[in-house]
Every structure is written in structure tokens, then in C-alpha cells.
Amino acid sequence: MEKILEYNLKINLDEKLPSLPILHDYKIDEIKIENGKLIILSNDVAYHDDDSFAYTGIHAKSVCVEFSLEYKDECDVNMTILHRDSKKKWKKYRKYYGNEFIGIYKDFNLEIINPMVSFCQINFILFGKKKNKRFHIIMEIRCDKVKYTFTD
């Protein structure tokens, strides 16, 4: 079974921004950019029955989130990686653009924390670990549509 939820971020001034399903603590299995879309795949859905999409009656094993990039190129995706220093303060570690991060994301063992929605942009906060260090990654995505596809 497949269930699709779609959201439009290119709205008129008198409309409300959508509330997106929050895939909190989901592990990211794959990230790619193709055909003007950023695609995030998680096969970690079956273990999270209490999330924001549960009200829809969806019981799935995996989710694919597709972001239709606004300008249809990899420049629509930026990643800023933060890490804690010895004084427990968050410091900027590195900034990546588009496919630059796609090549190394598996090194960070990423999990989704939450999305923040604005007009034609979503900021995803991700959590990652690499060599016993903890990282927060802010993924800025300029997009006009978001599509969630849940599958059994």
C-alpha cells in the first residue's frame, strides 16, 4: 500500500503555511538530488507509531520525501554543520552546497530532528555522529512543493 501527502510552499499572502509531518528521530538511509528534486529516504518508519502522521492512519515501513527544488538545481540545497567545542558551545564546522554533501552524508549517521517551514523554504535540523563527535546539521532547502510517500 502507498499513501501520498503533498504540500505547496508557494502560497499567496493570505494563505497559511502547511504543517508538515515531523519524522522525528528517523534515520536517513539515502539522500540524492535528481531531476530537480532532493530526495530523502528512510526505512525507519515502522518503529515510530507516535509521530505527527499517525493521525492519518498511516502504518508504513518506509517514507520517501521529495522536495521540488525552486530553481531545479543543486544550489537550492545548503548544509551547515555545527559541532560542540570543549566548552559545550556550538561552533560552525563546515558549509556544504548541493551534491558536495550528498557524497559524504553517510559518514554522519544522520537522523531527522524537525523541519521549520517558511515561504518556498524548509530548514531541516538533522542530528549526526561521526567518530564519537556529535553534530547538528542545518539543511536549507529552497523548494516550492514537498511530497511524502509512505509505503508498506
Foldseek 3Di string as FASTA:
>chain_A
DKDKDKAFLQDDPVDDHDDDWWQAFFWWDAWDADQQKIKTKTQCQQVDCPTPCVVVVDRFRMKIKIFRAPVSDQQQKKKWKWFQDPVRDTDTDDMDTGPRCRVPVVQFRKTWHGWDGHRQKIWTWIWTDHPNTIMIMTMIGRGGMMMMMGHD
